[in-house]
Amino acid sequence: MKIAIGNDHAGTEYKLAIIGLLKSMGVDVVNHGTDGNDSVDYADFVHPVAREVEEGNVDLGIIICGSGNGVSMTANKYQKIRAALCWTTEIVQLAKEHNDANILSLPARFISLPQALEMVKTFLNTSFEGGRHERRIEKIPCK
């Protein structure tokens, strides 16, 4: 499995911990985020993640900012992206099972680091249910 990850300055600590977790799980990681704490513009780090996922160069994406909103809004501009802003493992599970989320958006200022790591594990270990959800997913892209 290959995951693209991107973050702004609010998500650096979380990103570094998530990369460590992913590597310990044998996941290849493409780091598009900042590695520092100086203020940066989240969109500069989200666009590459969304493109990688949309083009099929990676299996999934993870994006992180303070609230999770800006990164989600940016990623969801892409036709094939379903970025889910999540704050509990239960929401992550539903986002994968019902919405086939392909990017996990994390709000670093509103969840703890241990919560974030559990959410990443849930994201990777949950599958899309298909069925009645499939037709709903097909209606998401604008034509």
Protein backbone atom coordinates (compact mmCIF):
# COMPACT_ATOMS: atom_id res chain seq x y z
CA MET A 1 0.00 0.00 0.00
CA LYS A 2 1.12 3.54 -0.78
CA ILE A 3 -0.19 6.66 1.00
CA ALA A 4 0.34 10.35 0.17
CA ILE A 5 0.34 12.70 3.13
CA GLY A 6 0.21 16.48 3.27
CA ASN A 7 -0.02 19.03 6.05
CA ASP A 8 0.42 22.64 7.00
CA HIS A 9 2.33 23.93 10.02
CA ALA A 10 -0.45 22.90 12.43
CA GLY A 11 -0.14 19.28 11.37
CA THR A 12 3.62 18.69 11.33
CA GLU A 13 3.85 16.85 14.65
CA TYR A 14 0.89 14.63 13.73
CA LYS A 15 2.22 13.95 10.25
CA LEU A 16 5.61 12.84 11.54
CA ALA A 17 3.98 10.44 14.02
CA ILE A 18 1.61 9.13 11.33
CA ILE A 19 4.51 8.52 8.96
CA GLY A 20 6.23 6.52 11.70
CA LEU A 21 3.08 4.47 12.23
CA LEU A 22 2.60 3.86 8.52
CA LYS A 23 6.20 2.80 8.00
CA SER A 24 5.94 0.41 10.96
CA MET A 25 2.95 -1.13 9.17
CA GLY A 26 4.97 -1.58 5.96
CA VAL A 27 3.17 1.23 4.11
CA ASP A 28 5.06 3.33 1.56
CA VAL A 29 4.62 7.04 2.26
CA VAL A 30 4.90 10.00 -0.11
CA ASN A 31 5.41 13.13 2.01
CA HIS A 32 4.00 16.28 0.41
CA GLY A 33 3.70 18.22 3.66
CA THR A 34 5.83 20.77 5.37
CA ASP A 35 8.28 19.43 7.92
CA GLY A 36 8.47 22.69 9.84
CA ASN A 37 6.35 24.82 12.12
CA ASP A 38 6.60 28.09 10.18
CA SER A 39 3.29 29.32 8.79
CA VAL A 40 2.53 27.95 5.31
CA ASP A 41 -0.49 27.76 3.02
CA TYR A 42 -2.22 24.37 3.34
CA ALA A 43 -3.35 24.31 -0.31
CA ASP A 44 0.28 24.10 -1.47
CA PHE A 45 0.56 20.74 0.30
CA VAL A 46 -2.92 19.37 -0.38
CA HIS A 47 -3.01 19.75 -4.16
CA PRO A 48 -0.14 17.25 -4.67
CA VAL A 49 -1.86 14.71 -2.38
CA ALA A 50 -5.20 15.04 -4.18
CA ARG A 51 -3.52 14.72 -7.59
CA GLU A 52 -1.61 11.60 -6.48
CA VAL A 53 -4.82 9.95 -5.27
CA GLU A 54 -6.89 11.04 -8.28
CA GLU A 55 -4.26 9.81 -10.76
CA GLY A 56 -3.91 6.47 -8.96
CA ASN A 57 -0.24 6.96 -8.06
CA VAL A 58 -1.11 6.18 -4.43
CA ASP A 59 -3.88 4.15 -2.81
CA LEU A 60 -5.07 6.74 -0.29
CA GLY A 61 -4.26 10.15 1.13
CA ILE A 62 -4.08 11.78 4.54
CA ILE A 63 -4.22 15.55 4.98
CA ILE A 64 -3.84 17.55 8.18
CA CYS A 65 -4.36 21.15 9.24
CA GLY A 66 -5.59 22.89 12.38
CA SER A 67 -9.32 22.44 11.79
CA GLY A 68 -9.24 19.96 8.92
CA ASN A 69 -11.64 22.19 7.01
CA GLY A 70 -9.27 24.01 4.68
CA VAL A 71 -7.49 20.85 3.60
CA SER A 72 -10.81 19.04 3.03
CA MET A 73 -12.25 21.88 0.98
CA THR A 74 -9.14 21.98 -1.18
CA ALA A 75 -8.97 18.23 -1.77
CA ASN A 76 -12.67 17.93 -2.55
CA LYS A 77 -12.28 20.27 -5.53
CA TYR A 78 -10.86 17.28 -7.39
CA GLN A 79 -13.43 15.22 -9.31
CA LYS A 80 -12.40 11.79 -8.01
CA ILE A 81 -11.63 12.78 -4.43
CA ARG A 82 -13.80 12.00 -1.44
CA ALA A 83 -11.96 13.65 1.46
CA ALA A 84 -13.63 13.05 4.81
CA LEU A 85 -13.08 15.39 7.73
CA CYS A 86 -13.15 13.10 10.74
CA TRP A 87 -12.80 13.56 14.49
CA THR A 88 -13.59 10.04 15.81
CA THR A 89 -12.78 6.51 14.70
CA GLU A 90 -16.51 5.86 14.27
CA ILE A 91 -16.78 8.67 11.72
CA VAL A 92 -13.69 7.37 9.93
CA GLN A 93 -15.25 3.91 9.74
CA LEU A 94 -18.51 5.27 8.30
CA ALA A 95 -16.65 7.51 5.86
CA LYS A 96 -14.91 4.44 4.44
CA GLU A 97 -17.84 2.00 4.63
CA HIS A 98 -20.55 4.32 3.30
CA ASN A 99 -18.69 7.05 1.38
CA ASP A 100 -15.63 5.21 0.09
CA ALA A 101 -13.44 8.05 1.40
CA ASN A 102 -10.07 8.05 -0.32
CA ILE A 103 -8.54 10.88 1.71
CA LEU A 104 -8.67 11.23 5.48
CA SER A 105 -8.68 14.82 6.75
CA LEU A 106 -7.56 15.33 10.33
CA PRO A 107 -8.11 18.42 12.54
CA ALA A 108 -4.86 18.52 14.53
CA ARG A 109 -6.08 21.20 16.95
CA PHE A 110 -9.20 19.25 17.90
CA ILE A 111 -8.02 15.66 18.34
CA SER A 112 -5.19 14.15 20.35
CA LEU A 113 -2.23 12.48 18.71
CA PRO A 114 -3.26 9.03 20.03
CA GLN A 115 -6.75 9.61 18.55
CA ALA A 116 -5.21 10.57 15.21
CA LEU A 117 -3.12 7.39 15.10
CA GLU A 118 -6.17 5.22 15.88
CA MET A 119 -8.12 7.04 13.18
CA VAL A 120 -5.39 6.30 10.64
CA LYS A 121 -5.47 2.60 11.57
CA THR A 122 -9.26 2.57 11.15
CA PHE A 123 -8.95 4.34 7.79
CA LEU A 124 -6.54 1.70 6.50
CA ASN A 125 -8.41 -1.29 7.93
CA THR A 126 -11.96 -0.42 6.86
CA SER A 127 -13.41 -1.29 3.46
CA PHE A 128 -16.17 0.24 1.37
CA GLU A 129 -19.43 -1.72 1.73
CA GLY A 130 -20.64 -1.04 -1.80
CA GLY A 131 -24.25 -2.05 -2.37
CA ARG A 132 -26.73 0.76 -1.87
CA HIS A 133 -23.82 3.12 -1.15
CA GLU A 134 -22.34 2.61 -4.63
CA ARG A 135 -25.13 4.49 -6.43
CA ARG A 136 -24.79 7.35 -3.96
CA ILE A 137 -21.06 7.62 -4.57
CA GLU A 138 -21.71 7.71 -8.32
CA LYS A 139 -23.90 10.82 -7.83
CA ILE A 140 -21.19 12.89 -6.07
CA PRO A 141 -19.15 14.22 -9.03
CA CYS A 142 -20.60 17.24 -10.85
CA LYS A 143 -20.88 16.89 -14.58
